[in-house]
Amino acid sequence: MSLIKLNDRAVKDVTQFGSISSLGSLTHISTATASASASIEFTSGIDSTYKEYVFYFVDIHPSSDDTRFTFQCSTDGGSNYNTTLTSTGFQAYHTEGGSSNLEYSSTLDSAQGTGFLPLNASIGGASDESSAGYFHLFNPSSTTFVKHFMAVNNAYLESNGSDVFYTAGYFNTTNSIDAIQFKMLSGNIDAGQILLFGVN
């Protein structure tokens, strides 16, 4: 693919960009719908078929107020969710009352931890409150490299505001990751969907 130099001309004047078909496409694998669910697990569909998997979270609504949406992965088909991970992240929030902040988040900071890692701040439990976002897992079937992940998740805060979390890290294992579980830090996932896609 050749690069096109615009030379201060508008994109609308460009007649050719070259092929971008090699960037890949999304293939839907499965969808899980929560209904007062203690957790949502994907124990199939994560294998060597794709080098990247994307999970989309749609209107994840907790059964209780002021809780967090979390995840952890498994290397044994879902028998145990305690894979060692190291992560970092930051958050930005803005409330309906006008207060705001941008900060490094120690909530997303795990150093060789094996517990469930939050993907967002405290979600409100009112009927119109939820969270949404996406999670990328890279090359989970590799037996050579650690497994990297990145996520972006926005929550309707229990304090009435928008809070976006940016999370990234790696699972410090050369074993294949073949399952993932999502759950609330406390209470159930009252409603919402998680969609799993593979990236060709």
Foldseek 3Di string as FASTA:
>chain_A
DDQDDQPPPDPVPDDDGDDPPVQFDKDFDDKDKDAQAQKDKDLADQEQPFQKKKKKWFFFAFQAFFWFKWKFFDLPSPPDGFFFKAKWKWKWKAAPVGDIDTGTDCQQGDDRGRDIGTQWGTAGRPPPWGKIWMKMWGRQQALPDWIKMWIWMWTCHNRHIIMIMTMIITRPHSRHTRMMMMHIPDGGRNTIMMIMIGTD
